[in-house]
C-alpha atoms as a PDB file:
ATOM      1  CA  MET A   1      99.428 130.738  82.576  1.00  0.00           C
ATOM      2  CA  SER A   2      96.975 131.865  85.238  1.00  0.00           C
ATOM      3  CA  THR A   3      98.161 132.980  88.676  1.00  0.00           C
ATOM      4  CA  ILE A   4      96.180 131.191  91.394  1.00  0.00           C
ATOM      5  CA  LEU A   5      96.213 131.798  95.137  1.00  0.00           C
ATOM      6  CA  ALA A   6      95.154 128.726  97.129  1.00  0.00           C
ATOM      7  CA  ILE A   7      94.156 128.531 100.806  1.00  0.00           C
ATOM      8  CA  ASP A   8      93.736 125.489 103.041  1.00  0.00           C
ATOM      9  CA  THR A   9      92.578 125.996 106.621  1.00  0.00           C
ATOM     10  CA  SER A  10      90.564 122.778 106.856  1.00  0.00           C
ATOM     11  CA  SER A  11      93.289 121.092 108.941  1.00  0.00           C
ATOM     12  CA  PRO A  12      94.983 122.404 112.106  1.00  0.00           C
ATOM     13  CA  VAL A  13      97.919 123.786 110.074  1.00  0.00           C
ATOM     14  CA  CYS A  14      97.088 126.815 107.910  1.00  0.00           C
ATOM     15  CA  SER A  15      98.591 126.569 104.404  1.00  0.00           C
ATOM     16  CA  VAL A  16      98.686 128.887 101.411  1.00  0.00           C
ATOM     17  CA  ALA A  17     100.086 128.371  97.921  1.00  0.00           C
ATOM     18  CA  LEU A  18     100.652 130.468  94.841  1.00  0.00           C
ATOM     19  CA  ALA A  19     100.715 128.907  91.385  1.00  0.00           C
ATOM     20  CA  VAL A  20     102.638 131.377  89.236  1.00  0.00           C
ATOM     21  CA  ALA A  21     104.768 131.113  86.082  1.00  0.00           C
ATOM     22  CA  GLY A  22     104.643 127.328  86.028  1.00  0.00           C
ATOM     23  CA  LYS A  23     105.685 126.781  89.649  1.00  0.00           C
ATOM     24  CA  VAL A  24     103.978 126.485  93.029  1.00  0.00           C
ATOM     25  CA  VAL A  25     105.353 128.325  96.062  1.00  0.00           C
ATOM     26  CA  THR A  26     103.953 127.692  99.521  1.00  0.00           C
ATOM     27  CA  ARG A  27     103.842 128.879 103.108  1.00  0.00           C
ATOM     28  CA  GLN A  28     102.469 127.315 106.282  1.00  0.00           C
ATOM     29  CA  THR A  29     101.992 128.347 109.883  1.00  0.00           C
ATOM     30  CA  PRO A  30     104.687 126.960 112.211  1.00  0.00           C
ATOM     31  CA  ALA A  31     102.095 125.851 114.759  1.00  0.00           C
ATOM     32  CA  GLU A  32      98.520 124.593 114.714  1.00  0.00           C
ATOM     33  CA  ARG A  33      95.289 126.608 114.955  1.00  0.00           C
ATOM     34  CA  GLN A  34      96.769 129.944 113.904  1.00  0.00           C
ATOM     35  CA  ALA A  35      94.566 130.665 110.872  1.00  0.00           C
ATOM     36  CA  ALA A  36      92.760 133.601 112.449  1.00  0.00           C
ATOM     37  CA  GLN A  37      96.019 135.390 113.252  1.00  0.00           C
ATOM     38  CA  LYS A  38      98.297 134.197 110.465  1.00  0.00           C
ATOM     39  CA  LEU A  39      96.296 133.609 107.266  1.00  0.00           C
ATOM     40  CA  LEU A  40      96.328 137.142 105.888  1.00  0.00           C
ATOM     41  CA  PRO A  41      99.996 137.763 106.834  1.00  0.00           C
ATOM     42  CA  LEU A  42     100.892 134.478 105.087  1.00  0.00           C
ATOM     43  CA  VAL A  43      99.086 135.595 101.930  1.00  0.00           C
ATOM     44  CA  GLU A  44     100.758 138.998 102.000  1.00  0.00           C
ATOM     45  CA  ALA A  45     104.217 137.475 102.513  1.00  0.00           C
ATOM     46  CA  LEU A  46     103.674 134.937  99.738  1.00  0.00           C
ATOM     47  CA  LEU A  47     102.673 137.612  97.230  1.00  0.00           C
ATOM     48  CA  SER A  48     105.474 139.910  98.337  1.00  0.00           C
ATOM     49  CA  ASP A  49     108.076 137.151  97.893  1.00  0.00           C
ATOM     50  CA  GLN A  50     107.020 136.846  94.247  1.00  0.00           C
ATOM     51  CA  LEU A  51     106.895 140.645  93.758  1.00  0.00           C
ATOM     52  CA  LEU A  52     103.155 140.446  93.162  1.00  0.00           C
ATOM     53  CA  THR A  53     100.073 142.173  94.509  1.00  0.00           C
ATOM     54  CA  LEU A  54      96.583 140.794  95.019  1.00  0.00           C
ATOM     55  CA  ALA A  55      95.582 142.468  91.753  1.00  0.00           C
ATOM     56  CA  SER A  56      97.915 140.042  89.944  1.00  0.00           C
ATOM     57  CA  VAL A  57      95.856 137.014  91.017  1.00  0.00           C
ATOM     58  CA  ASP A  58      93.509 135.483  88.431  1.00  0.00           C
ATOM     59  CA  ALA A  59      91.595 133.229  90.857  1.00  0.00           C
ATOM     60  CA  ILE A  60      91.475 132.296  94.528  1.00  0.00           C
ATOM     61  CA  ALA A  61      90.936 128.674  95.567  1.00  0.00           C
ATOM     62  CA  VAL A  62      89.922 127.549  99.029  1.00  0.00           C
ATOM     63  CA  VAL A  63      89.459 124.141 100.627  1.00  0.00           C
ATOM     64  CA  THR A  64      85.878 124.245 101.891  1.00  0.00           C
ATOM     65  CA  GLY A  65      86.050 121.114 104.049  1.00  0.00           C
ATOM     66  CA  PRO A  66      84.984 118.891 105.612  1.00  0.00           C
ATOM     67  CA  GLY A  67      87.447 119.605 108.364  1.00  0.00           C
ATOM     68  CA  SER A  68      88.008 122.017 111.213  1.00  0.00           C
ATOM     69  CA  PHE A  69      84.740 123.929 111.732  1.00  0.00           C
ATOM     70  CA  THR A  70      86.476 127.171 112.720  1.00  0.00           C
ATOM     71  CA  GLY A  71      89.204 126.754 110.130  1.00  0.00           C
ATOM     72  CA  MET A  72      86.735 126.262 107.284  1.00  0.00           C
ATOM     73  CA  ARG A  73      84.816 129.408 108.214  1.00  0.00           C
ATOM     74  CA  ILE A  74      88.008 131.468 108.404  1.00  0.00           C
ATOM     75  CA  GLY A  75      89.388 130.156 105.129  1.00  0.00           C
ATOM     76  CA  VAL A  76      86.178 130.591 103.167  1.00  0.00           C
ATOM     77  CA  GLY A  77      85.552 134.046 104.616  1.00  0.00           C
ATOM     78  CA  VAL A  78      89.050 135.266 103.782  1.00  0.00           C
ATOM     79  CA  ALA A  79      88.923 133.747 100.288  1.00  0.00           C
ATOM     80  CA  GLN A  80      85.626 135.475  99.542  1.00  0.00           C
ATOM     81  CA  GLY A  81      86.928 138.794 100.854  1.00  0.00           C
ATOM     82  CA  LEU A  82      90.109 138.545  98.790  1.00  0.00           C
ATOM     83  CA  SER A  83      88.161 137.594  95.666  1.00  0.00           C
ATOM     84  CA  PHE A  84      86.014 140.708  96.039  1.00  0.00           C
ATOM     85  CA  ALA A  85      89.093 142.856  96.587  1.00  0.00           C
ATOM     86  CA  ALA A  86      90.894 141.383  93.571  1.00  0.00           C
ATOM     87  CA  ASP A  87      87.727 141.205  91.440  1.00  0.00           C
ATOM     88  CA  CYS A  88      88.516 137.611  90.532  1.00  0.00           C
ATOM     89  CA  PRO A  89      86.704 134.251  90.771  1.00  0.00           C
ATOM     90  CA  VAL A  90      86.754 132.078  93.875  1.00  0.00           C
ATOM     91  CA  ILE A  91      86.920 128.283  93.606  1.00  0.00           C
ATOM     92  CA  GLY A  92      85.689 126.040  96.407  1.00  0.00           C
ATOM     93  CA  ILE A  93      87.388 122.640  96.619  1.00  0.00           C
ATOM     94  CA  SER A  94      86.295 119.698  98.759  1.00  0.00           C
ATOM     95  CA  ALA A  95      88.942 118.359 101.118  1.00  0.00           C
ATOM     96  CA  LEU A  96      87.920 114.848 100.053  1.00  0.00           C
ATOM     97  CA  ALA A  97      88.462 115.644  96.368  1.00  0.00           C
ATOM     98  CA  LEU A  98      91.846 117.119  97.272  1.00  0.00           C
ATOM     99  CA  THR A  99      92.830 113.881  99.019  1.00  0.00           C
ATOM    100  CA  ALA A 100      91.817 111.832  95.971  1.00  0.00           C
ATOM    101  CA  VAL A 101      93.865 113.978  93.584  1.00  0.00           C
ATOM    102  CA  SER A 102      96.783 113.947  96.031  1.00  0.00           C
ATOM    103  CA  GLY A 103      96.639 110.163  96.080  1.00  0.00           C
ATOM    104  CA  GLN A 104      96.706 109.903  92.302  1.00  0.00           C
ATOM    105  CA  ARG A 105      99.688 112.297  92.194  1.00  0.00           C
ATOM    106  CA  ALA A 106     101.576 110.325  94.830  1.00  0.00           C
ATOM    107  CA  LEU A 107     100.674 106.854  93.514  1.00  0.00           C
ATOM    108  CA  PRO A 108     100.070 107.153  89.760  1.00  0.00           C
ATOM    109  CA  SER A 109      97.884 104.265  88.736  1.00  0.00           C
ATOM    110  CA  SER A 110      95.955 103.072  85.724  1.00  0.00           C
ATOM    111  CA  ASN A 111      93.135 102.451  88.197  1.00  0.00           C
ATOM    112  CA  GLN A 112      91.895 106.020  88.675  1.00  0.00           C
ATOM    113  CA  HIS A 113      89.051 105.228  91.077  1.00  0.00           C
ATOM    114  CA  TRP A 114      89.555 106.482  94.626  1.00  0.00           C
ATOM    115  CA  LEU A 115      87.604 106.027  97.839  1.00  0.00           C
ATOM    116  CA  VAL A 116      88.371 108.640 100.496  1.00  0.00           C
ATOM    117  CA  ALA A 117      87.526 108.107 104.171  1.00  0.00           C
ATOM    118  CA  GLU A 118      88.361 110.644 106.862  1.00  0.00           C
ATOM    119  CA  PRO A 119      87.344 110.590 110.529  1.00  0.00           C
ATOM    120  CA  ALA A 120      84.362 112.658 111.625  1.00  0.00           C
ATOM    121  CA  ARG A 121      82.836 113.016 115.078  1.00  0.00           C
ATOM    122  CA  ASP A 122      80.741 110.510 117.024  1.00  0.00           C
ATOM    123  CA  GLY A 123      82.221 107.487 115.262  1.00  0.00           C
ATOM    124  CA  GLU A 124      81.180 108.678 111.819  1.00  0.00           C
ATOM    125  CA  VAL A 125      83.290 108.859 108.675  1.00  0.00           C
ATOM    126  CA  TYR A 126      83.451 111.429 105.882  1.00  0.00           C
ATOM    127  CA  PHE A 127      83.360 109.382 102.704  1.00  0.00           C
ATOM    128  CA  ALA A 128      83.374 109.913  98.948  1.00  0.00           C
ATOM    129  CA  ALA A 129      84.233 108.134  95.695  1.00  0.00           C
ATOM    130  CA  TYR A 130      86.065 109.863  92.846  1.00  0.00           C
ATOM    131  CA  HIS A 131      87.362 109.192  89.380  1.00  0.00           C
ATOM    132  CA  VAL A 132      90.635 111.108  89.013  1.00  0.00           C
ATOM    133  CA  ALA A 133      91.221 111.363  85.266  1.00  0.00           C
ATOM    134  CA  ALA A 134      93.592 114.170  84.291  1.00  0.00           C
ATOM    135  CA  ALA A 135      95.759 116.367  86.499  1.00  0.00           C
ATOM    136  CA  GLY A 136      93.442 118.139  88.890  1.00  0.00           C
ATOM    137  CA  GLN A 137      90.237 116.554  87.587  1.00  0.00           C
ATOM    138  CA  ALA A 138      88.300 114.738  90.305  1.00  0.00           C
ATOM    139  CA  ASP A 139      84.826 113.634  89.255  1.00  0.00           C
ATOM    140  CA  LEU A 140      82.576 112.808  92.199  1.00  0.00           C
ATOM    141  CA  LEU A 141      80.833 109.432  91.854  1.00  0.00           C
ATOM    142  CA  GLY A 142      77.564 109.669  93.727  1.00  0.00           C
ATOM    143  CA  LYS A 143      77.514 111.991  96.757  1.00  0.00           C
ATOM    144  CA  GLU A 144      79.843 112.897  99.588  1.00  0.00           C
ATOM    145  CA  GLN A 145      78.615 111.169 102.734  1.00  0.00           C
ATOM    146  CA  VAL A 146      79.010 111.277 106.480  1.00  0.00           C
ATOM    147  CA  ALA A 147      77.781 108.259 108.422  1.00  0.00           C
ATOM    148  CA  ILE A 148      78.843 105.437 110.673  1.00  0.00           C
ATOM    149  CA  PRO A 149      80.857 102.858 108.668  1.00  0.00           C
ATOM    150  CA  GLU A 150      77.922 100.405 108.576  1.00  0.00           C
ATOM    151  CA  ASN A 151      75.795 102.916 106.647  1.00  0.00           C
ATOM    152  CA  LEU A 152      78.296 103.998 103.986  1.00  0.00           C
ATOM    153  CA  GLN A 153      77.452 103.116 100.390  1.00  0.00           C
ATOM    154  CA  ILE A 154      79.311 103.034  97.089  1.00  0.00           C
ATOM    155  CA  GLN A 155      77.030 104.167  94.297  1.00  0.00           C
ATOM    156  CA  THR A 156      78.917 102.502  91.427  1.00  0.00           C
ATOM    157  CA  SER A 157      79.542  98.861  90.502  1.00  0.00           C
ATOM    158  CA  ASP A 158      83.359  98.973  90.493  1.00  0.00           C
ATOM    159  CA  SER A 159      85.055  96.487  92.816  1.00  0.00           C
ATOM    160  CA  LEU A 160      88.729  97.551  92.508  1.00  0.00           C
ATOM    161  CA  TRP A 161      89.646 100.859  94.122  1.00  0.00           C
ATOM    162  CA  ASN A 162      92.495 102.896  95.498  1.00  0.00           C
ATOM    163  CA  SER A 163      91.870 104.141  99.021  1.00  0.00           C
ATOM    164  CA  ALA A 164      92.926 107.276 100.853  1.00  0.00           C
ATOM    165  CA  GLY A 165      92.406 108.951 104.185  1.00  0.00           C
ATOM    166  CA  ALA A 166      93.006 108.452 107.889  1.00  0.00           C
ATOM    167  CA  ALA A 167      89.726 106.603 108.521  1.00  0.00           C
ATOM    168  CA  TRP A 168      90.479 103.800 106.077  1.00  0.00           C
ATOM    169  CA  ASP A 169      91.100 100.265 107.323  1.00  0.00           C
ATOM    170  CA  GLU A 170      90.617  96.660 106.192  1.00  0.00           C
ATOM    171  CA  ASP A 171      87.324  96.415 108.045  1.00  0.00           C
ATOM    172  CA  LEU A 172      85.888  99.276 106.010  1.00  0.00           C
ATOM    173  CA  ALA A 173      86.997  97.637 102.764  1.00  0.00           C
ATOM    174  CA  SER A 174      85.327  94.401 103.873  1.00  0.00           C
ATOM    175  CA  ARG A 175      82.084  96.170 104.777  1.00  0.00           C
ATOM    176  CA  LEU A 176      81.989  97.813 101.334  1.00  0.00           C
ATOM    177  CA  GLY A 177      82.839  94.571  99.558  1.00  0.00           C
ATOM    178  CA  ILE A 178      85.718  96.029  97.565  1.00  0.00           C
ATOM    179  CA  THR A 179      89.353  95.240  96.821  1.00  0.00           C
ATOM    180  CA  VAL A 180      91.963  97.934  97.488  1.00  0.00           C
ATOM    181  CA  ALA A 181      94.808  98.176  94.963  1.00  0.00           C
ATOM    182  CA  SER A 182      96.827 100.800  96.846  1.00  0.00           C
ATOM    183  CA  HIS A 183      96.422 103.143  99.798  1.00  0.00           C
ATOM    184  CA  TYR A 184      97.467 106.758 100.229  1.00  0.00           C
ATOM    185  CA  GLU A 185      97.562 108.555 103.574  1.00  0.00           C
ATOM    186  CA  ALA A 186      98.475 112.211 103.450  1.00  0.00           C
ATOM    187  CA  LEU A 187     100.996 113.445 105.993  1.00  0.00           C
ATOM    188  CA  SER A 188     100.373 117.086 105.055  1.00  0.00           C
ATOM    189  CA  ALA A 189      98.366 119.082 102.549  1.00  0.00           C
ATOM    190  CA  ASP A 190      99.415 118.498  98.924  1.00  0.00           C
ATOM    191  CA  LEU A 191      99.378 122.095  97.774  1.00  0.00           C
ATOM    192  CA  ILE A 192     100.484 121.235  94.238  1.00  0.00           C
ATOM    193  CA  ALA A 193      97.398 119.014  93.923  1.00  0.00           C
ATOM    194  CA  LEU A 194      95.287 121.858  95.308  1.00  0.00           C
ATOM    195  CA  CYS A 195      96.611 124.218  92.636  1.00  0.00           C
ATOM    196  CA  ASP A 196      96.111 121.546  89.954  1.00  0.00           C
ATOM    197  CA  ILE A 197      92.431 121.229  90.877  1.00  0.00           C
ATOM    198  CA  ALA A 198      92.023 125.005  90.961  1.00  0.00           C
ATOM    199  CA  ARG A 199      93.617 125.401  87.531  1.00  0.00           C
ATOM    200  CA  HIS A 200      91.432 122.691  86.013  1.00  0.00           C
ATOM    201  CA  ARG A 201      88.269 124.244  87.442  1.00  0.00           C
ATOM    202  CA  LEU A 202      89.236 127.741  86.383  1.00  0.00           C
ATOM    203  CA  GLU A 203      89.878 126.578  82.827  1.00  0.00           C
ATOM    204  CA  SER A 204      86.611 124.620  82.731  1.00  0.00           C
ATOM    205  CA  GLY A 205      84.518 127.448  84.197  1.00  0.00           C
ATOM    206  CA  GLN A 206      83.813 125.777  87.546  1.00  0.00           C
ATOM    207  CA  TYR A 207      84.034 128.809  89.823  1.00  0.00           C
ATOM    208  CA  GLN A 208      81.967 131.464  91.562  1.00  0.00           C
ATOM    209  CA  THR A 209      81.983 135.181  90.876  1.00  0.00           C
ATOM    210  CA  ASP A 210      79.238 136.170  93.322  1.00  0.00           C
ATOM    211  CA  GLY A 211      80.627 135.054  96.674  1.00  0.00           C
ATOM    212  CA  GLY A 212      78.640 131.811  96.537  1.00  0.00           C
ATOM    213  CA  VAL A 213      81.304 129.512  98.017  1.00  0.00           C
ATOM    214  CA  LEU A 214      80.336 128.136 101.449  1.00  0.00           C
ATOM    215  CA  PRO A 215      81.924 125.795 104.002  1.00  0.00           C
ATOM    216  CA  ASN A 216      81.316 122.138 103.126  1.00  0.00           C
ATOM    217  CA  TYR A 217      79.814 120.493 106.201  1.00  0.00           C
ATOM    218  CA  ILE A 218      78.363 117.545 104.202  1.00  0.00           C
ATOM    219  CA  LYS A 219      75.991 116.529 107.017  1.00  0.00           C
ATOM    220  CA  ASP A 220      73.653 119.449 106.361  1.00  0.00           C
ATOM    221  CA  GLN A 221      73.359 118.313 102.736  1.00  0.00           C
ATOM    222  CA  LEU A 222      72.273 114.763 103.436  1.00  0.00           C
ATOM    223  CA  ASP A 223      68.800 113.240 103.714  1.00  0.00           C
ATOM    224  CA  TYR A 224      68.701 110.750 106.572  1.00  0.00           C
ATOM    225  CA  SER A 225      65.023 109.860 106.082  1.00  0.00           C
END
């Protein structure tokens, strides 16, 4: 089984995980906004605890955002540097996809459709729809969006969804004209879900080997015309 190092600096707390020999071991900073000082020491301590070196890692996964602007840049930069040093692939994972997979892990449901809404700035919402089929497989339905709630759109015809994220409320469900079967709100990063996504993408060839992973700002990718 592949050994995967996973990094999440998209939230105020910096988290790292190591999927090795069928288990996931984790470390987090004790306080917020310490990624710049603590990320590399966390990685080194995590590997050392498992008697491993960076050369033992088969892939490095990183949450690319949306999230903390500074945190995303630090996490992606460190992940790319480590992937070059280890000569291994790097896998960029959307924070919204991670929330969807975390929700399916926490609330297993035959309805595998998830809408994720997280707060952005200026009254806007980060928003995306996913079909979460197998462990770690989150298929994006349409595009990730950032907009005021009135301008969000679902690009499929399904009416029954699971919801997730801190920006979700009944008013948003009413605006979208959908019924919510269950709701998941993460209290902290689900690092097992992060490693599940990374493993699925590694096995299916969804990774970069040329340093092509970038922070996911979403807004820069959208056409507002």
